[in-house]
PDB file of N, CA and C in Angstrom:
ATOM      1  N   UNK A   1     137.644 273.260  71.808  1.00  0.00           N
ATOM      2  CA  UNK A   1     137.797 272.883  73.200  1.00  0.00           C
ATOM      3  C   UNK A   1     136.655 271.955  73.593  1.00  0.00           C
ATOM      4  N   UNK A   2     136.961 270.892  74.272  1.00  0.00           N
ATOM      5  CA  UNK A   2     135.952 269.900  74.668  1.00  0.00           C
ATOM      6  C   UNK A   2     135.032 270.464  75.750  1.00  0.00           C
ATOM      7  N   UNK A   3     133.790 270.018  75.710  1.00  0.00           N
ATOM      8  CA  UNK A   3     132.829 270.407  76.738  1.00  0.00           C
ATOM      9  C   UNK A   3     133.133 269.669  78.037  1.00  0.00           C
ATOM     10  N   UNK A   4     132.760 270.286  79.165  1.00  0.00           N
ATOM     11  CA  UNK A   4     132.903 269.647  80.470  1.00  0.00           C
ATOM     12  C   UNK A   4     131.517 269.476  81.082  1.00  0.00           C
ATOM     13  N   UNK A   5     131.432 268.749  82.180  1.00  0.00           N
ATOM     14  CA  UNK A   5     130.147 268.531  82.854  1.00  0.00           C
ATOM     15  C   UNK A   5     129.509 269.860  83.260  1.00  0.00           C
ATOM     16  N   UNK A   6     130.310 270.860  83.586  1.00  0.00           N
ATOM     17  CA  UNK A   6     129.777 272.172  83.976  1.00  0.00           C
ATOM     18  C   UNK A   6     129.133 272.901  82.800  1.00  0.00           C
ATOM     19  N   UNK A   7     129.516 272.535  81.570  1.00  0.00           N
ATOM     20  CA  UNK A   7     128.952 273.156  80.374  1.00  0.00           C
ATOM     21  C   UNK A   7     127.563 272.624  80.028  1.00  0.00           C
ATOM     22  N   UNK A   8     127.219 271.442  80.504  1.00  0.00           N
ATOM     23  CA  UNK A   8     125.947 270.806  80.152  1.00  0.00           C
ATOM     24  C   UNK A   8     124.856 271.323  81.087  1.00  0.00           C
ATOM     25  N   UNK A   9     123.837 271.932  80.517  1.00  0.00           N
ATOM     26  CA  UNK A   9     122.755 272.548  81.300  1.00  0.00           C
ATOM     27  C   UNK A   9     121.393 272.087  80.793  1.00  0.00           C
ATOM     28  N   UNK A  10     120.448 271.980  81.708  1.00  0.00           N
ATOM     29  CA  UNK A  10     119.068 271.647  81.341  1.00  0.00           C
ATOM     30  C   UNK A  10     118.516 272.749  80.441  1.00  0.00           C
ATOM     31  N   UNK A  11     117.770 272.346  79.397  1.00  0.00           N
ATOM     32  CA  UNK A  11     117.155 273.293  78.477  1.00  0.00           C
ATOM     33  C   UNK A  11     118.055 273.721  77.332  1.00  0.00           C
ATOM     34  N   UNK A  12     119.315 273.323  77.335  1.00  0.00           N
ATOM     35  CA  UNK A  12     120.253 273.681  76.270  1.00  0.00           C
ATOM     36  C   UNK A  12     120.333 272.558  75.241  1.00  0.00           C
ATOM     37  N   UNK A  13     120.792 272.884  74.036  1.00  0.00           N
ATOM     38  CA  UNK A  13     120.923 271.913  72.957  1.00  0.00           C
ATOM     39  C   UNK A  13     122.384 271.764  72.565  1.00  0.00           C
ATOM     40  N   UNK A  14     122.717 270.566  72.096  1.00  0.00           N
ATOM     41  CA  UNK A  14     124.100 270.235  71.782  1.00  0.00           C
ATOM     42  C   UNK A  14     124.176 269.463  70.470  1.00  0.00           C
ATOM     43  N   UNK A  15     125.230 269.733  69.697  1.00  0.00           N
ATOM     44  CA  UNK A  15     125.468 269.054  68.426  1.00  0.00           C
ATOM     45  C   UNK A  15     126.361 267.839  68.654  1.00  0.00           C
ATOM     46  N   UNK A  16     126.222 266.870  67.753  1.00  0.00           N
ATOM     47  CA  UNK A  16     127.109 265.713  67.735  1.00  0.00           C
ATOM     48  C   UNK A  16     127.967 265.821  66.480  1.00  0.00           C
ATOM     49  N   UNK A  17     128.850 264.882  66.276  1.00  0.00           N
ATOM     50  CA  UNK A  17     129.662 264.920  65.062  1.00  0.00           C
ATOM     51  C   UNK A  17     128.850 264.489  63.834  1.00  0.00           C
ATOM     52  N   UNK A  18     127.670 263.913  64.037  1.00  0.00           N
ATOM     53  CA  UNK A  18     126.786 263.520  62.937  1.00  0.00           C
ATOM     54  C   UNK A  18     125.636 264.496  62.776  1.00  0.00           C
ATOM     55  N   UNK A  19     124.490 264.001  62.313  1.00  0.00           N
ATOM     56  CA  UNK A  19     123.313 264.845  62.079  1.00  0.00           C
ATOM     57  C   UNK A  19     122.476 265.047  63.341  1.00  0.00           C
ATOM     58  N   UNK A  20     122.603 264.165  64.318  1.00  0.00           N
ATOM     59  CA  UNK A  20     121.763 264.248  65.504  1.00  0.00           C
ATOM     60  C   UNK A  20     122.107 265.446  66.373  1.00  0.00           C
ATOM     61  N   UNK A  21     121.077 265.963  67.004  1.00  0.00           N
ATOM     62  CA  UNK A  21     121.209 267.036  67.977  1.00  0.00           C
ATOM     63  C   UNK A  21     120.475 266.580  69.233  1.00  0.00           C
ATOM     64  N   UNK A  22     120.894 267.078  70.384  1.00  0.00           N
ATOM     65  CA  UNK A  22     120.271 266.681  71.647  1.00  0.00           C
ATOM     66  C   UNK A  22     119.809 267.910  72.417  1.00  0.00           C
ATOM     67  N   UNK A  23     118.623 267.803  73.031  1.00  0.00           N
ATOM     68  CA  UNK A  23     118.141 268.828  73.951  1.00  0.00           C
ATOM     69  C   UNK A  23     118.073 268.200  75.332  1.00  0.00           C
ATOM     70  N   UNK A  24     118.845 268.739  76.259  1.00  0.00           N
ATOM     71  CA  UNK A  24     118.887 268.214  77.628  1.00  0.00           C
ATOM     72  C   UNK A  24     117.635 268.671  78.361  1.00  0.00           C
ATOM     73  N   UNK A  25     116.911 267.706  78.933  1.00  0.00           N
ATOM     74  CA  UNK A  25     115.699 268.074  79.664  1.00  0.00           C
ATOM     75  C   UNK A  25     115.849 267.889  81.171  1.00  0.00           C
ATOM     76  N   UNK A  26     116.849 267.095  81.603  1.00  0.00           N
ATOM     77  CA  UNK A  26     117.073 266.924  83.036  1.00  0.00           C
ATOM     78  C   UNK A  26     118.455 266.322  83.274  1.00  0.00           C
ATOM     79  N   UNK A  27     119.029 266.675  84.406  1.00  0.00           N
ATOM     80  CA  UNK A  27     120.265 266.060  84.876  1.00  0.00           C
ATOM     81  C   UNK A  27     120.034 265.733  86.341  1.00  0.00           C
ATOM     82  N   UNK A  28     120.054 264.437  86.680  1.00  0.00           N
ATOM     83  CA  UNK A  28     119.768 264.088  88.071  1.00  0.00           C
ATOM     84  C   UNK A  28     121.045 264.200  88.914  1.00  0.00           C
ATOM     85  N   UNK A  29     120.913 264.177  90.238  1.00  0.00           N
ATOM     86  CA  UNK A  29     122.079 264.341  91.109  1.00  0.00           C
ATOM     87  C   UNK A  29     123.168 263.277  90.918  1.00  0.00           C
ATOM     88  N   UNK A  30     122.826 262.124  90.369  1.00  0.00           N
ATOM     89  CA  UNK A  30     123.816 261.065  90.133  1.00  0.00           C
ATOM     90  C   UNK A  30     124.523 261.230  88.793  1.00  0.00           C
ATOM     91  N   UNK A  31     124.200 262.296  88.043  1.00  0.00           N
ATOM     92  CA  UNK A  31     124.879 262.570  86.780  1.00  0.00           C
ATOM     93  C   UNK A  31     124.270 261.880  85.585  1.00  0.00           C
ATOM     94  N   UNK A  32     123.012 261.459  85.686  1.00  0.00           N
ATOM     95  CA  UNK A  32     122.317 260.864  84.548  1.00  0.00           C
ATOM     96  C   UNK A  32     121.649 261.991  83.761  1.00  0.00           C
ATOM     97  N   UNK A  33     121.960 262.060  82.469  1.00  0.00           N
ATOM     98  CA  UNK A  33     121.426 263.105  81.592  1.00  0.00           C
ATOM     99  C   UNK A  33     120.232 262.534  80.822  1.00  0.00           C
ATOM    100  N   UNK A  34     119.082 263.207  80.906  1.00  0.00           N
ATOM    101  CA  UNK A  34     117.899 262.850  80.116  1.00  0.00           C
ATOM    102  C   UNK A  34     117.803 263.867  78.984  1.00  0.00           C
ATOM    103  N   UNK A  35     117.612 263.361  77.757  1.00  0.00           N
ATOM    104  CA  UNK A  35     117.613 264.264  76.606  1.00  0.00           C
ATOM    105  C   UNK A  35     116.680 263.776  75.518  1.00  0.00           C
ATOM    106  N   UNK A  36     116.311 264.713  74.641  1.00  0.00           N
ATOM    107  CA  UNK A  36     115.514 264.428  73.457  1.00  0.00           C
ATOM    108  C   UNK A  36     116.424 264.563  72.246  1.00  0.00           C
ATOM    109  N   UNK A  37     116.145 263.796  71.207  1.00  0.00           N
ATOM    110  CA  UNK A  37     116.965 263.808  69.995  1.00  0.00           C
ATOM    111  C   UNK A  37     116.196 264.470  68.855  1.00  0.00           C
ATOM    112  N   UNK A  38     116.907 265.254  68.024  1.00  0.00           N
ATOM    113  CA  UNK A  38     116.308 265.844  66.833  1.00  0.00           C
ATOM    114  C   UNK A  38     117.391 266.019  65.783  1.00  0.00           C
ATOM    115  N   UNK A  39     116.961 266.315  64.556  1.00  0.00           N
ATOM    116  CA  UNK A  39     117.894 266.565  63.453  1.00  0.00           C
ATOM    117  C   UNK A  39     117.600 267.926  62.854  1.00  0.00           C
ATOM    118  N   UNK A  40     118.638 268.644  62.463  1.00  0.00           N
ATOM    119  CA  UNK A  40     118.473 269.951  61.836  1.00  0.00           C
ATOM    120  C   UNK A  40     117.723 270.911  62.732  1.00  0.00           C
ATOM    121  N   UNK A  41     116.752 271.630  62.154  1.00  0.00           N
ATOM    122  CA  UNK A  41     115.953 272.581  62.924  1.00  0.00           C
ATOM    123  C   UNK A  41     114.582 272.035  63.274  1.00  0.00           C
ATOM    124  N   UNK A  42     114.393 270.714  63.152  1.00  0.00           N
ATOM    125  CA  UNK A  42     113.095 270.123  63.498  1.00  0.00           C
ATOM    126  C   UNK A  42     112.927 270.114  65.010  1.00  0.00           C
ATOM    127  N   UNK A  43     111.687 269.985  65.450  1.00  0.00           N
ATOM    128  CA  UNK A  43     111.416 269.914  66.882  1.00  0.00           C
ATOM    129  C   UNK A  43     111.914 268.577  67.431  1.00  0.00           C
ATOM    130  N   UNK A  44     112.358 268.561  68.698  1.00  0.00           N
ATOM    131  CA  UNK A  44     112.762 267.291  69.306  1.00  0.00           C
ATOM    132  C   UNK A  44     111.600 266.306  69.330  1.00  0.00           C
ATOM    133  N   UNK A  45     111.900 265.030  69.160  1.00  0.00           N
ATOM    134  CA  UNK A  45     110.879 263.986  69.216  1.00  0.00           C
ATOM    135  C   UNK A  45     110.380 263.777  70.633  1.00  0.00           C
ATOM    136  N   UNK A  46     109.351 262.972  70.790  1.00  0.00           N
ATOM    137  CA  UNK A  46     108.741 262.778  72.113  1.00  0.00           C
ATOM    138  C   UNK A  46     109.469 261.759  72.984  1.00  0.00           C
ATOM    139  N   UNK A  47     110.388 260.987  72.420  1.00  0.00           N
ATOM    140  CA  UNK A  47     111.030 259.935  73.198  1.00  0.00           C
ATOM    141  C   UNK A  47     112.271 260.445  73.916  1.00  0.00           C
ATOM    142  N   UNK A  48     112.350 260.129  75.188  1.00  0.00           N
ATOM    143  CA  UNK A  48     113.456 260.555  76.027  1.00  0.00           C
ATOM    144  C   UNK A  48     114.523 259.465  76.074  1.00  0.00           C
ATOM    145  N   UNK A  49     115.783 259.860  76.067  1.00  0.00           N
ATOM    146  CA  UNK A  49     116.891 258.928  76.240  1.00  0.00           C
ATOM    147  C   UNK A  49     117.676 259.346  77.477  1.00  0.00           C
ATOM    148  N   UNK A  50     118.369 258.405  78.085  1.00  0.00           N
ATOM    149  CA  UNK A  50     119.159 258.671  79.277  1.00  0.00           C
ATOM    150  C   UNK A  50     120.537 258.060  79.127  1.00  0.00           C
ATOM    151  N   UNK A  51     121.544 258.741  79.652  1.00  0.00           N
ATOM    152  CA  UNK A  51     122.885 258.171  79.723  1.00  0.00           C
ATOM    153  C   UNK A  51     123.675 258.918  80.788  1.00  0.00           C
ATOM    154  N   UNK A  52     124.795 258.373  81.146  1.00  0.00           N
ATOM    155  CA  UNK A  52     125.656 259.026  82.118  1.00  0.00           C
ATOM    156  C   UNK A  52     126.313 260.262  81.520  1.00  0.00           C
ATOM    157  N   UNK A  53     126.734 261.167  82.384  1.00  0.00           N
ATOM    158  CA  UNK A  53     127.357 262.411  81.930  1.00  0.00           C
ATOM    159  C   UNK A  53     128.601 262.137  81.086  1.00  0.00           C
ATOM    160  N   UNK A  54     129.429 261.180  81.480  1.00  0.00           N
ATOM    161  CA  UNK A  54     130.654 260.892  80.728  1.00  0.00           C
ATOM    162  C   UNK A  54     130.324 260.460  79.302  1.00  0.00           C
ATOM    163  N   UNK A  55     129.356 259.562  79.139  1.00  0.00           N
ATOM    164  CA  UNK A  55     128.958 259.104  77.808  1.00  0.00           C
ATOM    165  C   UNK A  55     128.350 260.249  77.003  1.00  0.00           C
ATOM    166  N   UNK A  56     127.556 261.106  77.646  1.00  0.00           N
ATOM    167  CA  UNK A  56     126.961 262.239  76.952  1.00  0.00           C
ATOM    168  C   UNK A  56     128.057 263.169  76.430  1.00  0.00           C
ATOM    169  N   UNK A  57     129.046 263.461  77.267  1.00  0.00           N
ATOM    170  CA  UNK A  57     130.146 264.342  76.867  1.00  0.00           C
ATOM    171  C   UNK A  57     130.952 263.759  75.715  1.00  0.00           C
ATOM    172  N   UNK A  58     131.077 262.442  75.661  1.00  0.00           N
ATOM    173  CA  UNK A  58     131.798 261.799  74.561  1.00  0.00           C
ATOM    174  C   UNK A  58     131.046 261.924  73.243  1.00  0.00           C
ATOM    175  N   UNK A  59     129.716 262.114  73.312  1.00  0.00           N
ATOM    176  CA  UNK A  59     128.900 262.166  72.100  1.00  0.00           C
ATOM    177  C   UNK A  59     128.644 263.553  71.548  1.00  0.00           C
ATOM    178  N   UNK A  60     128.825 264.599  72.357  1.00  0.00           N
ATOM    179  CA  UNK A  60     128.513 265.950  71.892  1.00  0.00           C
ATOM    180  C   UNK A  60     129.788 266.741  71.605  1.00  0.00           C
ATOM    181  N   UNK A  61     129.650 267.719  70.684  1.00  0.00           N
ATOM    182  CA  UNK A  61     130.825 268.503  70.295  1.00  0.00           C
ATOM    183  C   UNK A  61     130.750 269.963  70.702  1.00  0.00           C
ATOM    184  N   UNK A  62     129.516 270.527  70.729  1.00  0.00           N
ATOM    185  CA  UNK A  62     129.385 271.940  71.089  1.00  0.00           C
ATOM    186  C   UNK A  62     127.936 272.266  71.419  1.00  0.00           C
ATOM    187  N   UNK A  63     127.723 273.380  72.111  1.00  0.00           N
ATOM    188  CA  UNK A  63     126.372 273.878  72.380  1.00  0.00           C
ATOM    189  C   UNK A  63     125.875 274.587  71.131  1.00  0.00           C
ATOM    190  N   UNK A  64     124.582 274.437  70.838  1.00  0.00           N
ATOM    191  CA  UNK A  64     123.960 275.080  69.685  1.00  0.00           C
ATOM    192  C   UNK A  64     122.643 275.711  70.110  1.00  0.00           C
ATOM    193  N   UNK A  65     122.095 276.648  69.330  1.00  0.00           N
ATOM    194  CA  UNK A  65     120.768 277.185  69.649  1.00  0.00           C
ATOM    195  C   UNK A  65     119.712 276.094  69.488  1.00  0.00           C
ATOM    196  N   UNK A  66     118.749 276.084  70.382  1.00  0.00           N
ATOM    197  CA  UNK A  66     117.647 275.120  70.276  1.00  0.00           C
ATOM    198  C   UNK A  66     116.655 275.582  69.224  1.00  0.00           C
ATOM    199  N   UNK A  67     115.991 274.640  68.536  1.00  0.00           N
ATOM    200  CA  UNK A  67     114.985 275.037  67.547  1.00  0.00           C
ATOM    201  C   UNK A  67     113.776 275.682  68.229  1.00  0.00           C
ATOM    202  N   UNK A  68     113.066 276.517  67.501  1.00  0.00           N
ATOM    203  CA  UNK A  68     111.859 277.152  68.042  1.00  0.00           C
ATOM    204  C   UNK A  68     110.837 276.071  68.362  1.00  0.00           C
ATOM    205  N   UNK A  69     110.161 276.237  69.463  1.00  0.00           N
ATOM    206  CA  UNK A  69     109.161 275.257  69.899  1.00  0.00           C
ATOM    207  C   UNK A  69     107.867 275.454  69.175  1.00  0.00           C
TER     208      UNK A  69
END
């Protein structure tokens, strides 16, 4: 089942169809999602990326556990 905007939460992690994983760090009132990217169980990198909620939903497949900090 596809994720919806209500499924995307700050502090949660999401898988893509590839190796990348995303940790959502903020969602602003206009629907812009700020996230960090990581692979496997490594810690998220320091660089933040931003995109609209629709584009984010097109890129993720499911919620996953976040790696230990």
